[in-house]
Amino acid sequence: MSSATEPAFFVLTALVGASRHGYGIVEEVARLSGGRTRLKVGTLYGVLDRLVKEGLVELDREEVWQGRLRRYFTLTDDGRRYLAAEAARMAENARLAVGLLQGGTA
């Protein structure tokens, strides 16, 4: 698997600890990113389709709410491991950049 895009990273992070439906994911991504990442519905479902295909997210359940079908998604064990690895990779990249900006060497 390749590195996570920012929207995919935040979708995975939004699913840690709770399954969520599409609108809930959009809201949680906005909250987690401090409003920097705002997903449109088309973008969200494109990301979710890819994450489901890769086995990182799965459909948890479906329910009808106000006449509309809500699909809830959850993080898989593989998704949790992938997110942990991505977070560690990103933290290492940030550590390297900060070190260089502070006059260190790579």
PDB file of N, CA and C in Angstrom:
ATOM      1  N   MET A   1       0.829  -1.188   0.000  1.00  0.00           N
ATOM      2  CA  MET A   1       0.000   0.000   0.000  1.00  0.00           C
ATOM      3  C   MET A   1       0.869   1.246   0.000  1.00  0.00           C
ATOM      4  N   SER A   2       0.397   2.250  -0.651  1.00  0.00           N
ATOM      5  CA  SER A   2       1.142   3.504  -0.709  1.00  0.00           C
ATOM      6  C   SER A   2       0.822   4.359   0.514  1.00  0.00           C
ATOM      7  N   SER A   3       1.488   5.489   0.599  1.00  0.00           N
ATOM      8  CA  SER A   3       1.233   6.436   1.684  1.00  0.00           C
ATOM      9  C   SER A   3      -0.198   6.945   1.596  1.00  0.00           C
ATOM     10  N   ALA A   4      -0.754   7.233   2.740  1.00  0.00           N
ATOM     11  CA  ALA A   4      -2.132   7.725   2.791  1.00  0.00           C
ATOM     12  C   ALA A   4      -2.192   9.183   2.354  1.00  0.00           C
ATOM     13  N   THR A   5      -3.209   9.513   1.584  1.00  0.00           N
ATOM     14  CA  THR A   5      -3.476  10.917   1.287  1.00  0.00           C
ATOM     15  C   THR A   5      -3.996  11.556   2.578  1.00  0.00           C
ATOM     16  N   GLU A   6      -3.993  12.870   2.623  1.00  0.00           N
ATOM     17  CA  GLU A   6      -4.497  13.543   3.819  1.00  0.00           C
ATOM     18  C   GLU A   6      -5.964  13.200   4.090  1.00  0.00           C
ATOM     19  N   PRO A   7      -6.842  13.213   3.078  1.00  0.00           N
ATOM     20  CA  PRO A   7      -8.226  12.815   3.362  1.00  0.00           C
ATOM     21  C   PRO A   7      -8.325  11.375   3.883  1.00  0.00           C
ATOM     22  N   ALA A   8      -7.588  10.441   3.290  1.00  0.00           N
ATOM     23  CA  ALA A   8      -7.641   9.052   3.743  1.00  0.00           C
ATOM     24  C   ALA A   8      -7.118   8.925   5.173  1.00  0.00           C
ATOM     25  N   PHE A   9      -6.032   9.634   5.474  1.00  0.00           N
ATOM     26  CA  PHE A   9      -5.471   9.607   6.826  1.00  0.00           C
ATOM     27  C   PHE A   9      -6.520  10.063   7.841  1.00  0.00           C
ATOM     28  N   PHE A  10      -7.209  11.160   7.540  1.00  0.00           N
ATOM     29  CA  PHE A  10      -8.199  11.672   8.478  1.00  0.00           C
ATOM     30  C   PHE A  10      -9.449  10.808   8.531  1.00  0.00           C
ATOM     31  N   VAL A  11      -9.848  10.184   7.432  1.00  0.00           N
ATOM     32  CA  VAL A  11     -10.991   9.259   7.472  1.00  0.00           C
ATOM     33  C   VAL A  11     -10.658   8.079   8.381  1.00  0.00           C
ATOM     34  N   LEU A  12      -9.475   7.505   8.219  1.00  0.00           N
ATOM     35  CA  LEU A  12      -9.062   6.403   9.087  1.00  0.00           C
ATOM     36  C   LEU A  12      -9.034   6.845  10.544  1.00  0.00           C
ATOM     37  N   THR A  13      -8.478   8.012  10.792  1.00  0.00           N
ATOM     38  CA  THR A  13      -8.381   8.523  12.158  1.00  0.00           C
ATOM     39  C   THR A  13      -9.769   8.764  12.746  1.00  0.00           C
ATOM     40  N   ALA A  14     -10.699   9.237  11.930  1.00  0.00           N
ATOM     41  CA  ALA A  14     -12.065   9.490  12.392  1.00  0.00           C
ATOM     42  C   ALA A  14     -12.770   8.207  12.818  1.00  0.00           C
ATOM     43  N   LEU A  15     -12.321   7.078  12.302  1.00  0.00           N
ATOM     44  CA  LEU A  15     -12.965   5.805  12.613  1.00  0.00           C
ATOM     45  C   LEU A  15     -12.332   5.070  13.794  1.00  0.00           C
ATOM     46  N   VAL A  16     -11.277   5.637  14.377  1.00  0.00           N
ATOM     47  CA  VAL A  16     -10.664   5.019  15.551  1.00  0.00           C
ATOM     48  C   VAL A  16     -11.654   5.119  16.710  1.00  0.00           C
ATOM     49  N   GLY A  17     -12.030   3.998  17.244  1.00  0.00           N
ATOM     50  CA  GLY A  17     -12.877   3.988  18.433  1.00  0.00           C
ATOM     51  C   GLY A  17     -14.370   4.043  18.198  1.00  0.00           C
ATOM     52  N   ALA A  18     -14.823   4.313  16.974  1.00  0.00           N
ATOM     53  CA  ALA A  18     -16.270   4.389  16.736  1.00  0.00           C
ATOM     54  C   ALA A  18     -16.571   4.192  15.264  1.00  0.00           C
ATOM     55  N   SER A  19     -17.637   3.440  14.981  1.00  0.00           N
ATOM     56  CA  SER A  19     -18.094   3.374  13.597  1.00  0.00           C
ATOM     57  C   SER A  19     -18.895   4.651  13.335  1.00  0.00           C
ATOM     58  N   ARG A  20     -18.860   5.119  12.102  1.00  0.00           N
ATOM     59  CA  ARG A  20     -19.540   6.369  11.760  1.00  0.00           C
ATOM     60  C   ARG A  20     -20.163   6.258  10.379  1.00  0.00           C
ATOM     61  N   HIS A  21     -21.223   7.016  10.179  1.00  0.00           N
ATOM     62  CA  HIS A  21     -21.839   7.141   8.866  1.00  0.00           C
ATOM     63  C   HIS A  21     -21.165   8.304   8.151  1.00  0.00           C
ATOM     64  N   GLY A  22     -21.467   8.467   6.866  1.00  0.00           N
ATOM     65  CA  GLY A  22     -20.780   9.453   6.035  1.00  0.00           C
ATOM     66  C   GLY A  22     -20.731  10.851   6.605  1.00  0.00           C
ATOM     67  N   TYR A  23     -21.887  11.388   7.002  1.00  0.00           N
ATOM     68  CA  TYR A  23     -21.911  12.749   7.527  1.00  0.00           C
ATOM     69  C   TYR A  23     -21.115  12.841   8.828  1.00  0.00           C
ATOM     70  N   GLY A  24     -21.193  11.798   9.651  1.00  0.00           N
ATOM     71  CA  GLY A  24     -20.419  11.761  10.893  1.00  0.00           C
ATOM     72  C   GLY A  24     -18.921  11.763  10.623  1.00  0.00           C
ATOM     73  N   ILE A  25     -18.514  11.066   9.568  1.00  0.00           N
ATOM     74  CA  ILE A  25     -17.100  11.060   9.187  1.00  0.00           C
ATOM     75  C   ILE A  25     -16.681  12.453   8.735  1.00  0.00           C
ATOM     76  N   VAL A  26     -17.493  13.078   7.887  1.00  0.00           N
ATOM     77  CA  VAL A  26     -17.183  14.428   7.397  1.00  0.00           C
ATOM     78  C   VAL A  26     -16.998  15.384   8.575  1.00  0.00           C
ATOM     79  N   GLU A  27     -17.915  15.341   9.544  1.00  0.00           N
ATOM     80  CA  GLU A  27     -17.832  16.226  10.705  1.00  0.00           C
ATOM     81  C   GLU A  27     -16.586  15.934  11.541  1.00  0.00           C
ATOM     82  N   GLU A  28     -16.295  14.671  11.758  1.00  0.00           N
ATOM     83  CA  GLU A  28     -15.149  14.300  12.588  1.00  0.00           C
ATOM     84  C   GLU A  28     -13.837  14.663  11.909  1.00  0.00           C
ATOM     85  N   VAL A  29     -13.746  14.484  10.598  1.00  0.00           N
ATOM     86  CA  VAL A  29     -12.546  14.879   9.859  1.00  0.00           C
ATOM     87  C   VAL A  29     -12.326  16.386   9.990  1.00  0.00           C
ATOM     88  N   ALA A  30     -13.375  17.166   9.844  1.00  0.00           N
ATOM     89  CA  ALA A  30     -13.251  18.620   9.992  1.00  0.00           C
ATOM     90  C   ALA A  30     -12.780  18.972  11.403  1.00  0.00           C
ATOM     91  N   ARG A  31     -13.326  18.305  12.405  1.00  0.00           N
ATOM     92  CA  ARG A  31     -12.945  18.570  13.794  1.00  0.00           C
ATOM     93  C   ARG A  31     -11.486  18.188  14.043  1.00  0.00           C
ATOM     94  N   LEU A  32     -11.110  16.982  13.630  1.00  0.00           N
ATOM     95  CA  LEU A  32      -9.749  16.498  13.865  1.00  0.00           C
ATOM     96  C   LEU A  32      -8.700  17.352  13.168  1.00  0.00           C
ATOM     97  N   SER A  33      -9.038  17.849  11.982  1.00  0.00           N
ATOM     98  CA  SER A  33      -8.075  18.618  11.195  1.00  0.00           C
ATOM     99  C   SER A  33      -8.127  20.115  11.514  1.00  0.00           C
ATOM    100  N   GLY A  34      -8.920  20.487  12.484  1.00  0.00           N
ATOM    101  CA  GLY A  34      -9.065  21.896  12.796  1.00  0.00           C
ATOM    102  C   GLY A  34      -9.671  22.684  11.648  1.00  0.00           C
ATOM    103  N   GLY A  35     -10.486  21.994  10.829  1.00  0.00           N
ATOM    104  CA  GLY A  35     -11.146  22.636   9.699  1.00  0.00           C
ATOM    105  C   GLY A  35     -10.294  22.709   8.438  1.00  0.00           C
ATOM    106  N   ARG A  36      -9.072  22.204   8.490  1.00  0.00           N
ATOM    107  CA  ARG A  36      -8.189  22.265   7.310  1.00  0.00           C
ATOM    108  C   ARG A  36      -8.612  21.287   6.227  1.00  0.00           C
ATOM    109  N   THR A  37      -9.201  20.180   6.618  1.00  0.00           N
ATOM    110  CA  THR A  37      -9.658  19.189   5.644  1.00  0.00           C
ATOM    111  C   THR A  37     -11.172  19.115   5.717  1.00  0.00           C
ATOM    112  N   ARG A  38     -11.813  19.555   4.647  1.00  0.00           N
ATOM    113  CA  ARG A  38     -13.278  19.525   4.553  1.00  0.00           C
ATOM    114  C   ARG A  38     -13.635  18.637   3.367  1.00  0.00           C
ATOM    115  N   LEU A  39     -14.208  17.500   3.673  1.00  0.00           N
ATOM    116  CA  LEU A  39     -14.533  16.530   2.626  1.00  0.00           C
ATOM    117  C   LEU A  39     -15.901  16.795   2.024  1.00  0.00           C
ATOM    118  N   LYS A  40     -15.970  16.735   0.713  1.00  0.00           N
ATOM    119  CA  LYS A  40     -17.251  16.739   0.015  1.00  0.00           C
ATOM    120  C   LYS A  40     -17.706  15.290  -0.068  1.00  0.00           C
ATOM    121  N   VAL A  41     -19.006  15.094  -0.217  1.00  0.00           N
ATOM    122  CA  VAL A  41     -19.566  13.746  -0.208  1.00  0.00           C
ATOM    123  C   VAL A  41     -18.919  12.854  -1.260  1.00  0.00           C
ATOM    124  N   GLY A  42     -18.748  13.367  -2.483  1.00  0.00           N
ATOM    125  CA  GLY A  42     -18.132  12.570  -3.547  1.00  0.00           C
ATOM    126  C   GLY A  42     -16.716  12.145  -3.199  1.00  0.00           C
ATOM    127  N   THR A  43     -15.963  13.050  -2.621  1.00  0.00           N
ATOM    128  CA  THR A  43     -14.588  12.740  -2.203  1.00  0.00           C
ATOM    129  C   THR A  43     -14.599  11.697  -1.103  1.00  0.00           C
ATOM    130  N   LEU A  44     -15.473  11.885  -0.118  1.00  0.00           N
ATOM    131  CA  LEU A  44     -15.552  10.939   1.000  1.00  0.00           C
ATOM    132  C   LEU A  44     -15.815   9.531   0.510  1.00  0.00           C
ATOM    133  N   TYR A  45     -16.832   9.362  -0.348  1.00  0.00           N
ATOM    134  CA  TYR A  45     -17.176   8.004  -0.762  1.00  0.00           C
ATOM    135  C   TYR A  45     -16.138   7.412  -1.704  1.00  0.00           C
ATOM    136  N   GLY A  46     -15.428   8.236  -2.443  1.00  0.00           N
ATOM    137  CA  GLY A  46     -14.292   7.747  -3.226  1.00  0.00           C
ATOM    138  C   GLY A  46     -13.202   7.204  -2.315  1.00  0.00           C
ATOM    139  N   VAL A  47     -12.905   7.948  -1.247  1.00  0.00           N
ATOM    140  CA  VAL A  47     -11.896   7.511  -0.264  1.00  0.00           C
ATOM    141  C   VAL A  47     -12.373   6.245   0.426  1.00  0.00           C
ATOM    142  N   LEU A  48     -13.628   6.228   0.875  1.00  0.00           N
ATOM    143  CA  LEU A  48     -14.149   5.040   1.562  1.00  0.00           C
ATOM    144  C   LEU A  48     -14.131   3.816   0.660  1.00  0.00           C
ATOM    145  N   ASP A  49     -14.520   3.964  -0.600  1.00  0.00           N
ATOM    146  CA  ASP A  49     -14.500   2.828  -1.532  1.00  0.00           C
ATOM    147  C   ASP A  49     -13.095   2.251  -1.645  1.00  0.00           C
ATOM    148  N   ARG A  50     -12.092   3.138  -1.761  1.00  0.00           N
ATOM    149  CA  ARG A  50     -10.703   2.678  -1.866  1.00  0.00           C
ATOM    150  C   ARG A  50     -10.251   1.986  -0.582  1.00  0.00           C
ATOM    151  N   LEU A  51     -10.598   2.565   0.578  1.00  0.00           N
ATOM    152  CA  LEU A  51     -10.198   1.978   1.857  1.00  0.00           C
ATOM    153  C   LEU A  51     -10.877   0.631   2.090  1.00  0.00           C
ATOM    154  N   VAL A  52     -12.128   0.495   1.665  1.00  0.00           N
ATOM    155  CA  VAL A  52     -12.825  -0.796   1.773  1.00  0.00           C
ATOM    156  C   VAL A  52     -12.152  -1.819   0.866  1.00  0.00           C
ATOM    157  N   LYS A  53     -11.845  -1.416  -0.361  1.00  0.00           N
ATOM    158  CA  LYS A  53     -11.194  -2.325  -1.315  1.00  0.00           C
ATOM    159  C   LYS A  53      -9.839  -2.801  -0.782  1.00  0.00           C
ATOM    160  N   GLU A  54      -9.128  -1.916  -0.073  1.00  0.00           N
ATOM    161  CA  GLU A  54      -7.813  -2.260   0.486  1.00  0.00           C
ATOM    162  C   GLU A  54      -7.916  -3.016   1.808  1.00  0.00           C
ATOM    163  N   GLY A  55      -9.134  -3.200   2.317  1.00  0.00           N
ATOM    164  CA  GLY A  55      -9.322  -3.955   3.554  1.00  0.00           C
ATOM    165  C   GLY A  55      -9.017  -3.165   4.817  1.00  0.00           C
ATOM    166  N   LEU A  56      -8.961  -1.838   4.716  1.00  0.00           N
ATOM    167  CA  LEU A  56      -8.633  -1.001   5.871  1.00  0.00           C
ATOM    168  C   LEU A  56      -9.884  -0.543   6.617  1.00  0.00           C
ATOM    169  N   VAL A  57     -10.994  -0.521   5.919  1.00  0.00           N
ATOM    170  CA  VAL A  57     -12.291  -0.104   6.465  1.00  0.00           C
ATOM    171  C   VAL A  57     -13.315  -1.112   5.961  1.00  0.00           C
ATOM    172  N   GLU A  58     -14.360  -1.337   6.764  1.00  0.00           N
ATOM    173  CA  GLU A  58     -15.436  -2.219   6.320  1.00  0.00           C
ATOM    174  C   GLU A  58     -16.783  -1.637   6.717  1.00  0.00           C
ATOM    175  N   LEU A  59     -17.806  -2.075   6.011  1.00  0.00           N
ATOM    176  CA  LEU A  59     -19.170  -1.674   6.334  1.00  0.00           C
ATOM    177  C   LEU A  59     -19.547  -2.346   7.652  1.00  0.00           C
ATOM    178  N   ASP A  60     -19.980  -1.551   8.609  1.00  0.00           N
ATOM    179  CA  ASP A  60     -20.357  -2.065   9.928  1.00  0.00           C
ATOM    180  C   ASP A  60     -21.835  -2.427   9.963  1.00  0.00           C
ATOM    181  N   ARG A  61     -22.663  -1.489   9.478  1.00  0.00           N
ATOM    182  CA  ARG A  61     -24.112  -1.724   9.465  1.00  0.00           C
ATOM    183  C   ARG A  61     -24.782  -0.672   8.593  1.00  0.00           C
ATOM    184  N   GLU A  62     -26.049  -0.925   8.301  1.00  0.00           N
ATOM    185  CA  GLU A  62     -26.876   0.034   7.565  1.00  0.00           C
ATOM    186  C   GLU A  62     -28.150   0.236   8.352  1.00  0.00           C
ATOM    187  N   GLU A  63     -28.663   1.469   8.336  1.00  0.00           N
ATOM    188  CA  GLU A  63     -29.936   1.737   8.985  1.00  0.00           C
ATOM    189  C   GLU A  63     -30.649   2.839   8.216  1.00  0.00           C
ATOM    190  N   VAL A  64     -31.956   2.839   8.317  1.00  0.00           N
ATOM    191  CA  VAL A  64     -32.745   3.886   7.678  1.00  0.00           C
ATOM    192  C   VAL A  64     -32.978   4.974   8.718  1.00  0.00           C
ATOM    193  N   TRP A  65     -32.666   6.198   8.326  1.00  0.00           N
ATOM    194  CA  TRP A  65     -32.853   7.359   9.196  1.00  0.00           C
ATOM    195  C   TRP A  65     -33.515   8.452   8.379  1.00  0.00           C
ATOM    196  N   GLN A  66     -34.678   8.884   8.812  1.00  0.00           N
ATOM    197  CA  GLN A  66     -35.469   9.889   8.111  1.00  0.00           C
ATOM    198  C   GLN A  66     -35.646   9.538   6.628  1.00  0.00           C
ATOM    199  N   GLY A  67     -35.926   8.271   6.373  1.00  0.00           N
ATOM    200  CA  GLY A  67     -36.204   7.805   5.024  1.00  0.00           C
ATOM    201  C   GLY A  67     -34.980   7.588   4.147  1.00  0.00           C
ATOM    202  N   ARG A  68     -33.791   7.798   4.703  1.00  0.00           N
ATOM    203  CA  ARG A  68     -32.557   7.618   3.920  1.00  0.00           C
ATOM    204  C   ARG A  68     -31.706   6.528   4.552  1.00  0.00           C
ATOM    205  N   LEU A  69     -31.006   5.806   3.696  1.00  0.00           N
ATOM    206  CA  LEU A  69     -30.130   4.743   4.172  1.00  0.00           C
ATOM    207  C   LEU A  69     -28.812   5.333   4.655  1.00  0.00           C
ATOM    208  N   ARG A  70     -28.444   5.005   5.868  1.00  0.00           N
ATOM    209  CA  ARG A  70     -27.147   5.400   6.420  1.00  0.00           C
ATOM    210  C   ARG A  70     -26.265   4.167   6.490  1.00  0.00           C
ATOM    211  N   ARG A  71     -25.091   4.277   5.909  1.00  0.00           N
ATOM    212  CA  ARG A  71     -24.118   3.188   5.991  1.00  0.00           C
ATOM    213  C   ARG A  71     -23.040   3.595   6.988  1.00  0.00           C
ATOM    214  N   TYR A  72     -22.800   2.742   7.960  1.00  0.00           N
ATOM    215  CA  TYR A  72     -21.787   2.988   8.985  1.00  0.00           C
ATOM    216  C   TYR A  72     -20.538   2.186   8.646  1.00  0.00           C
ATOM    217  N   PHE A  73     -19.407   2.827   8.774  1.00  0.00           N
ATOM    218  CA  PHE A  73     -18.126   2.190   8.467  1.00  0.00           C
ATOM    219  C   PHE A  73     -17.298   2.083   9.736  1.00  0.00           C
ATOM    220  N   THR A  74     -16.430   1.084   9.757  1.00  0.00           N
ATOM    221  CA  THR A  74     -15.565   0.864  10.906  1.00  0.00           C
ATOM    222  C   THR A  74     -14.153   0.527  10.420  1.00  0.00           C
ATOM    223  N   LEU A  75     -13.200   0.774  11.262  1.00  0.00           N
ATOM    224  CA  LEU A  75     -11.800   0.482  10.971  1.00  0.00           C
ATOM    225  C   LEU A  75     -11.542  -1.005  11.195  1.00  0.00           C
ATOM    226  N   THR A  76     -10.847  -1.655  10.289  1.00  0.00           N
ATOM    227  CA  THR A  76     -10.476  -3.060  10.473  1.00  0.00           C
ATOM    228  C   THR A  76      -9.160  -3.121  11.269  1.00  0.00           C
ATOM    229  N   ASP A  77      -8.785  -4.325  11.676  1.00  0.00           N
ATOM    230  CA  ASP A  77      -7.491  -4.494  12.353  1.00  0.00           C
ATOM    231  C   ASP A  77      -6.354  -4.078  11.428  1.00  0.00           C
ATOM    232  N   ASP A  78      -6.454  -4.440  10.139  1.00  0.00           N
ATOM    233  CA  ASP A  78      -5.435  -4.010   9.174  1.00  0.00           C
ATOM    234  C   ASP A  78      -5.419  -2.484   9.053  1.00  0.00           C
ATOM    235  N   GLY A  79      -6.591  -1.865   9.091  1.00  0.00           N
ATOM    236  CA  GLY A  79      -6.681  -0.415   9.022  1.00  0.00           C
ATOM    237  C   GLY A  79      -6.016   0.243  10.218  1.00  0.00           C
ATOM    238  N   ARG A  80      -6.205  -0.338  11.386  1.00  0.00           N
ATOM    239  CA  ARG A  80      -5.583   0.180  12.610  1.00  0.00           C
ATOM    240  C   ARG A  80      -4.051   0.084  12.507  1.00  0.00           C
ATOM    241  N   ARG A  81      -3.561  -1.056  12.030  1.00  0.00           N
ATOM    242  CA  ARG A  81      -2.100  -1.232  11.881  1.00  0.00           C
ATOM    243  C   ARG A  81      -1.547  -0.259  10.841  1.00  0.00           C
ATOM    244  N   TYR A  82      -2.257  -0.110   9.726  1.00  0.00           N
ATOM    245  CA  TYR A  82      -1.829   0.803   8.662  1.00  0.00           C
ATOM    246  C   TYR A  82      -1.790   2.237   9.178  1.00  0.00           C
ATOM    247  N   LEU A  83      -2.832   2.659   9.899  1.00  0.00           N
ATOM    248  CA  LEU A  83      -2.875   4.013  10.436  1.00  0.00           C
ATOM    249  C   LEU A  83      -1.732   4.242  11.416  1.00  0.00           C
ATOM    250  N   ALA A  84      -1.449   3.275  12.262  1.00  0.00           N
ATOM    251  CA  ALA A  84      -0.336   3.415  13.214  1.00  0.00           C
ATOM    252  C   ALA A  84       0.990   3.572  12.471  1.00  0.00           C
ATOM    253  N   ALA A  85       1.187   2.788  11.409  1.00  0.00           N
ATOM    254  CA  ALA A  85       2.422   2.880  10.625  1.00  0.00           C
ATOM    255  C   ALA A  85       2.511   4.221   9.906  1.00  0.00           C
ATOM    256  N   GLU A  86       1.397   4.699   9.365  1.00  0.00           N
ATOM    257  CA  GLU A  86       1.380   5.999   8.681  1.00  0.00           C
ATOM    258  C   GLU A  86       1.668   7.131   9.659  1.00  0.00           C
ATOM    259  N   ALA A  87       1.074   7.073  10.841  1.00  0.00           N
ATOM    260  CA  ALA A  87       1.305   8.107  11.847  1.00  0.00           C
ATOM    261  C   ALA A  87       2.781   8.123  12.254  1.00  0.00           C
ATOM    262  N   ALA A  88       3.381   6.954  12.421  1.00  0.00           N
ATOM    263  CA  ALA A  88       4.802   6.876  12.784  1.00  0.00           C
ATOM    264  C   ALA A  88       5.672   7.422  11.648  1.00  0.00           C
ATOM    265  N   ARG A  89       5.322   7.092  10.401  1.00  0.00           N
ATOM    266  CA  ARG A  89       6.079   7.581   9.250  1.00  0.00           C
ATOM    267  C   ARG A  89       6.000   9.100   9.162  1.00  0.00           C
ATOM    268  N   MET A  90       4.804   9.633   9.337  1.00  0.00           N
ATOM    269  CA  MET A  90       4.624  11.073   9.271  1.00  0.00           C
ATOM    270  C   MET A  90       5.359  11.780  10.415  1.00  0.00           C
ATOM    271  N   ALA A  91       5.330  11.195  11.597  1.00  0.00           N
ATOM    272  CA  ALA A  91       6.029  11.781  12.750  1.00  0.00           C
ATOM    273  C   ALA A  91       7.537  11.806  12.497  1.00  0.00           C
ATOM    274  N   GLU A  92       8.061  10.751  11.914  1.00  0.00           N
ATOM    275  CA  GLU A  92       9.493  10.703  11.597  1.00  0.00           C
ATOM    276  C   GLU A  92       9.843  11.750  10.544  1.00  0.00           C
ATOM    277  N   ASN A  93       9.000  11.892   9.527  1.00  0.00           N
ATOM    278  CA  ASN A  93       9.233  12.920   8.508  1.00  0.00           C
ATOM    279  C   ASN A  93       9.218  14.313   9.130  1.00  0.00           C
ATOM    280  N   ALA A  94       8.262  14.554  10.026  1.00  0.00           N
ATOM    281  CA  ALA A  94       8.179  15.860  10.688  1.00  0.00           C
ATOM    282  C   ALA A  94       9.410  16.087  11.565  1.00  0.00           C
ATOM    283  N   ARG A  95       9.845  15.060  12.281  1.00  0.00           N
ATOM    284  CA  ARG A  95      11.040  15.182  13.129  1.00  0.00           C
ATOM    285  C   ARG A  95      12.245  15.554  12.289  1.00  0.00           C
ATOM    286  N   LEU A  96      12.411  14.932  11.140  1.00  0.00           N
ATOM    287  CA  LEU A  96      13.526  15.223  10.239  1.00  0.00           C
ATOM    288  C   LEU A  96      13.466  16.672   9.760  1.00  0.00           C
ATOM    289  N   ALA A  97      12.299  17.105   9.316  1.00  0.00           N
ATOM    290  CA  ALA A  97      12.152  18.472   8.814  1.00  0.00           C
ATOM    291  C   ALA A  97      12.441  19.501   9.907  1.00  0.00           C
ATOM    292  N   VAL A  98      11.889  19.282  11.097  1.00  0.00           N
ATOM    293  CA  VAL A  98      12.119  20.219  12.198  1.00  0.00           C
ATOM    294  C   VAL A  98      13.598  20.265  12.554  1.00  0.00           C
ATOM    295  N   GLY A  99      14.241  19.110  12.583  1.00  0.00           N
ATOM    296  CA  GLY A  99      15.672  19.064  12.874  1.00  0.00           C
ATOM    297  C   GLY A  99      16.473  19.859  11.862  1.00  0.00           C
ATOM    298  N   LEU A 100      16.162  19.711  10.589  1.00  0.00           N
ATOM    299  CA  LEU A 100      16.868  20.449   9.548  1.00  0.00           C
ATOM    300  C   LEU A 100      16.598  21.939   9.646  1.00  0.00           C
ATOM    301  N   LEU A 101      15.349  22.303   9.942  1.00  0.00           N
ATOM    302  CA  LEU A 101      15.003  23.718  10.069  1.00  0.00           C
ATOM    303  C   LEU A 101      15.711  24.357  11.263  1.00  0.00           C
ATOM    304  N   GLN A 102      16.047  23.574  12.250  1.00  0.00           N
ATOM    305  CA  GLN A 102      16.730  24.075  13.433  1.00  0.00           C
ATOM    306  C   GLN A 102      18.251  24.028  13.279  1.00  0.00           C
ATOM    307  N   GLY A 103      18.691  23.753  12.040  1.00  0.00           N
ATOM    308  CA  GLY A 103      20.128  23.777  11.766  1.00  0.00           C
ATOM    309  C   GLY A 103      20.840  22.452  11.886  1.00  0.00           C
ATOM    310  N   GLY A 104      20.086  21.384  12.043  1.00  0.00           N
ATOM    311  CA  GLY A 104      20.694  20.070  12.120  1.00  0.00           C
ATOM    312  C   GLY A 104      21.025  19.515  10.745  1.00  0.00           C
ATOM    313  N   THR A 105      21.462  18.281  10.716  1.00  0.00           N
ATOM    314  CA  THR A 105      21.743  17.605   9.453  1.00  0.00           C
ATOM    315  C   THR A 105      20.865  16.383   9.335  1.00  0.00           C
ATOM    316  N   ALA A 106      20.673  15.949   8.129  1.00  0.00           N
ATOM    317  CA  ALA A 106      19.820  14.792   7.877  1.00  0.00           C
ATOM    318  C   ALA A 106      20.534  13.509   8.193  1.00  0.00           C
TER     319      ALA A 106
END
